[in-house]
Amino acid sequence: AAVFEVALAAEVVSWATGRFLAEYTGLRPLI
């Protein structure tokens, strides 16, 4: 009946990961 692109959620995840990395102080690299 409808389609929701996982690619759209991937953009959201990329944004959230970038923000998290900017404040992350733990061991690197994050996986």
All heavy atoms as atom14 arrays in JSON, in Angstrom:
{
  "sequence": "AAVFEVALAAEVVSWATGRFLAEYTGLRPLI",
  "atom14_mask": [
    [1, 1, 1, 1, 1, 0, 0, 0, 0, 0, 0, 0, 0, 0],
    [1, 1, 1, 1, 1, 0, 0, 0, 0, 0, 0, 0, 0, 0],
    [1, 1, 1, 1, 1, 1, 1, 0, 0, 0, 0, 0, 0, 0],
    [1, 1, 1, 1, 1, 1, 1, 1, 1, 1, 1, 0, 0, 0],
    [1, 1, 1, 1, 1, 1, 1, 1, 1, 0, 0, 0, 0, 0],
    [1, 1, 1, 1, 1, 1, 1, 0, 0, 0, 0, 0, 0, 0],
    [1, 1, 1, 1, 1, 0, 0, 0, 0, 0, 0, 0, 0, 0],
    [1, 1, 1, 1, 1, 1, 1, 1, 0, 0, 0, 0, 0, 0],
    [1, 1, 1, 1, 1, 0, 0, 0, 0, 0, 0, 0, 0, 0],
    [1, 1, 1, 1, 1, 0, 0, 0, 0, 0, 0, 0, 0, 0],
    [1, 1, 1, 1, 1, 1, 1, 1, 1, 0, 0, 0, 0, 0],
    [1, 1, 1, 1, 1, 1, 1, 0, 0, 0, 0, 0, 0, 0],
    [1, 1, 1, 1, 1, 1, 1, 0, 0, 0, 0, 0, 0, 0],
    [1, 1, 1, 1, 1, 1, 0, 0, 0, 0, 0, 0, 0, 0],
    [1, 1, 1, 1, 1, 1, 1, 1, 1, 1, 1, 1, 1, 1],
    [1, 1, 1, 1, 1, 0, 0, 0, 0, 0, 0, 0, 0, 0],
    [1, 1, 1, 1, 1, 1, 1, 0, 0, 0, 0, 0, 0, 0],
    [1, 1, 1, 1, 0, 0, 0, 0, 0, 0, 0, 0, 0, 0],
    [1, 1, 1, 1, 1, 1, 1, 1, 1, 1, 1, 0, 0, 0],
    [1, 1, 1, 1, 1, 1, 1, 1, 1, 1, 1, 0, 0, 0],
    [1, 1, 1, 1, 1, 1, 1, 1, 0, 0, 0, 0, 0, 0],
    [1, 1, 1, 1, 1, 0, 0, 0, 0, 0, 0, 0, 0, 0],
    [1, 1, 1, 1, 1, 1, 1, 1, 1, 0, 0, 0, 0, 0],
    [1, 1, 1, 1, 1, 1, 1, 1, 1, 1, 1, 1, 0, 0],
    [1, 1, 1, 1, 1, 1, 1, 0, 0, 0, 0, 0, 0, 0],
    [1, 1, 1, 1, 0, 0, 0, 0, 0, 0, 0, 0, 0, 0],
    [1, 1, 1, 1, 1, 1, 1, 1, 0, 0, 0, 0, 0, 0],
    [1, 1, 1, 1, 1, 1, 1, 1, 1, 1, 1, 0, 0, 0],
    [1, 1, 1, 1, 1, 1, 1, 0, 0, 0, 0, 0, 0, 0],
    [1, 1, 1, 1, 1, 1, 1, 1, 0, 0, 0, 0, 0, 0],
    [1, 1, 1, 1, 1, 1, 1, 1, 0, 0, 0, 0, 0, 0]
  ],
  "atom14_positions": [
    [[0.82, -1.21, 0.0], [0.0, 0.0, 0.0], [0.85, 1.26, 0.0], [0.41, 2.32, -0.46], [-0.92, 0.0, 1.22], [0.0, 0.0, 0.0], [0.0, 0.0, 0.0], [0.0, 0.0, 0.0], [0.0, 0.0, 0.0], [0.0, 0.0, 0.0], [0.0, 0.0, 0.0], [0.0, 0.0, 0.0], [0.0, 0.0, 0.0], [0.0, 0.0, 0.0]],
    [[2.07, 1.16, 0.51], [2.96, 2.31, 0.58], [4.4, 1.83, 0.61], [4.67, 0.65, 0.85], [2.66, 3.15, 1.83], [0.0, 0.0, 0.0], [0.0, 0.0, 0.0], [0.0, 0.0, 0.0], [0.0, 0.0, 0.0], [0.0, 0.0, 0.0], [0.0, 0.0, 0.0], [0.0, 0.0, 0.0], [0.0, 0.0, 0.0], [0.0, 0.0, 0.0]],
    [[5.31, 2.77, 0.35], [6.73, 2.47, 0.36], [7.45, 3.52, 1.18], [7.18, 4.72, 1.03], [7.31, 2.46, -1.08], [8.81, 2.17, -1.04], [6.59, 1.44, -1.95], [0.0, 0.0, 0.0], [0.0, 0.0, 0.0], [0.0, 0.0, 0.0], [0.0, 0.0, 0.0], [0.0, 0.0, 0.0], [0.0, 0.0, 0.0], [0.0, 0.0, 0.0]],
    [[8.34, 3.08, 2.06], [9.21, 4.02, 2.79], [10.65, 3.58, 2.52], [11.03, 2.46, 2.84], [8.94, 3.99, 4.29], [9.61, 5.11, 5.03], [8.91, 6.25, 5.39], [10.96, 5.06, 5.36], [9.52, 7.3, 6.06], [11.6, 6.1, 6.01], [10.87, 7.23, 6.36], [0.0, 0.0, 0.0], [0.0, 0.0, 0.0], [0.0, 0.0, 0.0]],
    [[11.41, 4.47, 1.91], [12.77, 4.13, 1.49], [13.72, 4.03, 2.69], [13.84, 4.99, 3.46], [13.29, 5.18, 0.52], [12.46, 5.36, -0.73], [12.69, 6.71, -1.36], [13.83, 6.97, -1.82], [11.74, 7.52, -1.37], [0.0, 0.0, 0.0], [0.0, 0.0, 0.0], [0.0, 0.0, 0.0], [0.0, 0.0, 0.0], [0.0, 0.0, 0.0]],
    [[14.39, 2.9, 2.8], [15.43, 2.77, 3.83], [16.55, 3.76, 3.56], [17.22, 4.23, 4.48], [15.96, 1.32, 3.88], [17.12, 1.2, 4.86], [14.85, 0.35, 4.25], [0.0, 0.0, 0.0], [0.0, 0.0, 0.0], [0.0, 0.0, 0.0], [0.0, 0.0, 0.0], [0.0, 0.0, 0.0], [0.0, 0.0, 0.0], [0.0, 0.0, 0.0]],
    [[16.72, 4.13, 2.3], [17.74, 5.12, 1.93], [17.47, 6.46, 2.6], [18.41, 7.19, 2.94], [17.79, 5.28, 0.41], [0.0, 0.0, 0.0], [0.0, 0.0, 0.0], [0.0, 0.0, 0.0], [0.0, 0.0, 0.0], [0.0, 0.0, 0.0], [0.0, 0.0, 0.0], [0.0, 0.0, 0.0], [0.0, 0.0, 0.0], [0.0, 0.0, 0.0]],
    [[16.19, 6.8, 2.77], [15.86, 8.05, 3.45], [16.28, 7.98, 4.92], [16.84, 8.92, 5.47], [14.37, 8.32, 3.33], [13.9, 9.72, 3.74], [14.43, 10.77, 2.78], [12.37, 9.78, 3.79], [0.0, 0.0, 0.0], [0.0, 0.0, 0.0], [0.0, 0.0, 0.0], [0.0, 0.0, 0.0], [0.0, 0.0, 0.0], [0.0, 0.0, 0.0]],
    [[16.02, 6.83, 5.54], [16.44, 6.63, 6.92], [17.96, 6.61, 7.03], [18.52, 7.04, 8.05], [15.86, 5.33, 7.47], [0.0, 0.0, 0.0], [0.0, 0.0, 0.0], [0.0, 0.0, 0.0], [0.0, 0.0, 0.0], [0.0, 0.0, 0.0], [0.0, 0.0, 0.0], [0.0, 0.0, 0.0], [0.0, 0.0, 0.0], [0.0, 0.0, 0.0]],
    [[18.64, 6.14, 5.97], [20.11, 6.14, 5.97], [20.66, 7.56, 6.04], [21.68, 7.82, 6.67], [20.63, 5.42, 4.74], [0.0, 0.0, 0.0], [0.0, 0.0, 0.0], [0.0, 0.0, 0.0], [0.0, 0.0, 0.0], [0.0, 0.0, 0.0], [0.0, 0.0, 0.0], [0.0, 0.0, 0.0], [0.0, 0.0, 0.0], [0.0, 0.0, 0.0]],
    [[19.99, 8.49, 5.37], [20.4, 9.89, 5.47], [20.26, 10.38, 6.9], [21.12, 11.12, 7.41], [19.56, 10.75, 4.53], [19.84, 10.52, 3.05], [19.18, 11.56, 2.16], [18.84, 12.65, 2.66], [19.0, 11.28, 0.97], [0.0, 0.0, 0.0], [0.0, 0.0, 0.0], [0.0, 0.0, 0.0], [0.0, 0.0, 0.0], [0.0, 0.0, 0.0]],
    [[19.19, 9.98, 7.54], [18.97, 10.37, 8.94], [20.06, 9.78, 9.84], [20.61, 10.47, 10.71], [17.57, 9.91, 9.41], [17.37, 10.25, 10.88], [16.48, 10.54, 8.56], [0.0, 0.0, 0.0], [0.0, 0.0, 0.0], [0.0, 0.0, 0.0], [0.0, 0.0, 0.0], [0.0, 0.0, 0.0], [0.0, 0.0, 0.0], [0.0, 0.0, 0.0]],
    [[20.38, 8.51, 9.61], [21.42, 7.85, 10.4], [22.78, 8.53, 10.19], [23.55, 8.72, 11.13], [21.5, 6.35, 10.05], [22.75, 5.7, 10.66], [20.26, 5.63, 10.54], [0.0, 0.0, 0.0], [0.0, 0.0, 0.0], [0.0, 0.0, 0.0], [0.0, 0.0, 0.0], [0.0, 0.0, 0.0], [0.0, 0.0, 0.0], [0.0, 0.0, 0.0]],
    [[23.08, 8.89, 8.96], [24.33, 9.59, 8.67], [24.4, 10.9, 9.43], [25.45, 11.25, 10.01], [24.46, 9.85, 7.17], [24.51, 8.65, 6.44], [0.0, 0.0, 0.0], [0.0, 0.0, 0.0], [0.0, 0.0, 0.0], [0.0, 0.0, 0.0], [0.0, 0.0, 0.0], [0.0, 0.0, 0.0], [0.0, 0.0, 0.0], [0.0, 0.0, 0.0]],
    [[23.3, 11.62, 9.45], [23.26, 12.88, 10.19], [23.48, 12.64, 11.69], [24.29, 13.31, 12.33], [21.91, 13.57, 9.97], [21.78, 14.87, 10.71], [22.15, 16.11, 10.29], [21.25, 15.03, 12.03], [21.9, 17.05, 11.26], [21.34, 16.41, 12.35], [20.71, 14.18, 12.97], [20.9, 16.93, 13.56], [20.29, 14.68, 14.19], [20.38, 16.05, 14.48]],
    [[22.76, 11.65, 12.25], [22.86, 11.36, 13.68], [24.27, 10.88, 14.05], [24.82, 11.25, 15.09], [21.82, 10.32, 14.08], [0.0, 0.0, 0.0], [0.0, 0.0, 0.0], [0.0, 0.0, 0.0], [0.0, 0.0, 0.0], [0.0, 0.0, 0.0], [0.0, 0.0, 0.0], [0.0, 0.0, 0.0], [0.0, 0.0, 0.0], [0.0, 0.0, 0.0]],
    [[24.87, 10.05, 13.18], [26.22, 9.55, 13.44], [27.23, 10.68, 13.44], [28.14, 10.73, 14.28], [26.61, 8.5, 12.39], [25.67, 7.42, 12.42], [28.01, 7.94, 12.66], [0.0, 0.0, 0.0], [0.0, 0.0, 0.0], [0.0, 0.0, 0.0], [0.0, 0.0, 0.0], [0.0, 0.0, 0.0], [0.0, 0.0, 0.0], [0.0, 0.0, 0.0]],
    [[27.08, 11.6, 12.49], [27.98, 12.75, 12.44], [27.9, 13.58, 13.7], [28.94, 14.02, 14.24], [0.0, 0.0, 0.0], [0.0, 0.0, 0.0], [0.0, 0.0, 0.0], [0.0, 0.0, 0.0], [0.0, 0.0, 0.0], [0.0, 0.0, 0.0], [0.0, 0.0, 0.0], [0.0, 0.0, 0.0], [0.0, 0.0, 0.0], [0.0, 0.0, 0.0]],
    [[26.7, 13.8, 14.19], [26.53, 14.58, 15.43], [27.09, 13.83, 16.63], [27.71, 14.41, 17.51], [25.04, 14.9, 15.66], [24.43, 15.81, 14.6], [25.18, 17.15, 14.53], [24.74, 17.98, 13.42], [25.19, 17.87, 12.18], [26.06, 16.93, 11.85], [24.76, 18.69, 11.25], [0.0, 0.0, 0.0], [0.0, 0.0, 0.0], [0.0, 0.0, 0.0]],
    [[26.88, 12.54, 16.67], [27.41, 11.75, 17.79], [28.93, 11.75, 17.78], [29.57, 11.91, 18.83], [26.88, 10.32, 17.71], [27.35, 9.45, 18.84], [26.71, 9.48, 20.07], [28.44, 8.6, 18.69], [27.15, 8.7, 21.14], [28.89, 7.81, 19.74], [28.24, 7.87, 20.97], [0.0, 0.0, 0.0], [0.0, 0.0, 0.0], [0.0, 0.0, 0.0]],
    [[29.53, 11.58, 16.6], [31.0, 11.57, 16.5], [31.61, 12.88, 16.95], [32.7, 12.91, 17.54], [31.41, 11.29, 15.05], [31.59, 9.84, 14.63], [31.86, 9.76, 13.13], [32.7, 9.16, 15.42], [0.0, 0.0, 0.0], [0.0, 0.0, 0.0], [0.0, 0.0, 0.0], [0.0, 0.0, 0.0], [0.0, 0.0, 0.0], [0.0, 0.0, 0.0]],
    [[30.91, 13.98, 16.69], [31.43, 15.29, 17.05], [31.57, 15.45, 18.57], [32.42, 16.2, 19.04], [30.52, 16.39, 16.49], [0.0, 0.0, 0.0], [0.0, 0.0, 0.0], [0.0, 0.0, 0.0], [0.0, 0.0, 0.0], [0.0, 0.0, 0.0], [0.0, 0.0, 0.0], [0.0, 0.0, 0.0], [0.0, 0.0, 0.0], [0.0, 0.0, 0.0]],
    [[30.78, 14.71, 19.33], [30.81, 14.81, 20.8], [31.42, 13.57, 21.46], [31.62, 13.56, 22.68], [29.38, 15.01, 21.32], [28.7, 16.26, 20.77], [27.25, 16.37, 21.22], [26.81, 15.47, 21.97], [26.58, 17.34, 20.82], [0.0, 0.0, 0.0], [0.0, 0.0, 0.0], [0.0, 0.0, 0.0], [0.0, 0.0, 0.0], [0.0, 0.0, 0.0]],
    [[31.74, 12.57, 20.68], [32.21, 11.29, 21.21], [33.65, 11.42, 21.73], [34.54, 11.93, 21.04], [32.15, 10.24, 20.11], [32.66, 8.87, 20.49], [32.03, 8.11, 21.46], [33.79, 8.34, 19.85], [32.49, 6.84, 21.79], [34.25, 7.07, 20.17], [33.6, 6.34, 21.14], [34.07, 5.09, 21.46], [0.0, 0.0, 0.0], [0.0, 0.0, 0.0]],
    [[33.86, 10.96, 22.96], [35.19, 11.06, 23.58], [35.76, 9.7, 23.95], [36.81, 9.61, 24.59], [35.13, 11.93, 24.85], [34.17, 11.35, 25.78], [34.71, 13.36, 24.52], [0.0, 0.0, 0.0], [0.0, 0.0, 0.0], [0.0, 0.0, 0.0], [0.0, 0.0, 0.0], [0.0, 0.0, 0.0], [0.0, 0.0, 0.0], [0.0, 0.0, 0.0]],
    [[35.1, 8.63, 23.52], [35.57, 7.29, 23.86], [36.65, 6.79, 22.91], [37.23, 7.56, 22.14], [0.0, 0.0, 0.0], [0.0, 0.0, 0.0], [0.0, 0.0, 0.0], [0.0, 0.0, 0.0], [0.0, 0.0, 0.0], [0.0, 0.0, 0.0], [0.0, 0.0, 0.0], [0.0, 0.0, 0.0], [0.0, 0.0, 0.0], [0.0, 0.0, 0.0]],
    [[36.9, 5.49, 22.99], [37.92, 4.87, 22.14], [37.55, 5.0, 20.67], [36.39, 4.87, 20.3], [38.09, 3.4, 22.51], [38.71, 3.09, 23.88], [38.62, 1.6, 24.17], [40.16, 3.55, 23.91], [0.0, 0.0, 0.0], [0.0, 0.0, 0.0], [0.0, 0.0, 0.0], [0.0, 0.0, 0.0], [0.0, 0.0, 0.0], [0.0, 0.0, 0.0]],
    [[38.56, 5.25, 19.87], [38.34, 5.34, 18.43], [39.13, 4.23, 17.74], [40.14, 3.78, 18.26], [38.76, 6.72, 17.91], [37.83, 7.81, 18.43], [38.08, 9.15, 17.76], [37.22, 10.15, 18.38], [36.31, 10.88, 17.75], [36.15, 10.72, 16.43], [35.57, 11.75, 18.37], [0.0, 0.0, 0.0], [0.0, 0.0, 0.0], [0.0, 0.0, 0.0]],
    [[38.64, 3.79, 16.59], [37.49, 4.29, 15.85], [36.18, 3.69, 16.35], [36.14, 2.61, 16.93], [37.77, 3.81, 14.43], [38.51, 2.53, 14.62], [39.38, 2.75, 15.84], [0.0, 0.0, 0.0], [0.0, 0.0, 0.0], [0.0, 0.0, 0.0], [0.0, 0.0, 0.0], [0.0, 0.0, 0.0], [0.0, 0.0, 0.0], [0.0, 0.0, 0.0]],
    [[35.1, 4.43, 16.1], [33.76, 3.9, 16.31], [33.45, 2.98, 15.12], [33.87, 3.25, 14.0], [32.77, 5.06, 16.37], [31.48, 4.85, 17.16], [31.81, 4.65, 18.64], [30.55, 6.05, 16.98], [0.0, 0.0, 0.0], [0.0, 0.0, 0.0], [0.0, 0.0, 0.0], [0.0, 0.0, 0.0], [0.0, 0.0, 0.0], [0.0, 0.0, 0.0]],
    [[32.71, 1.91, 15.38], [32.42, 0.92, 14.33], [30.93, 0.98, 13.99], [30.08, 0.99, 14.88], [32.79, -0.49, 14.8], [34.27, -0.54, 15.23], [32.53, -1.52, 13.69], [34.64, -1.8, 15.98], [0.0, 0.0, 0.0], [0.0, 0.0, 0.0], [0.0, 0.0, 0.0], [0.0, 0.0, 0.0], [0.0, 0.0, 0.0], [0.0, 0.0, 0.0]]
  ]
}
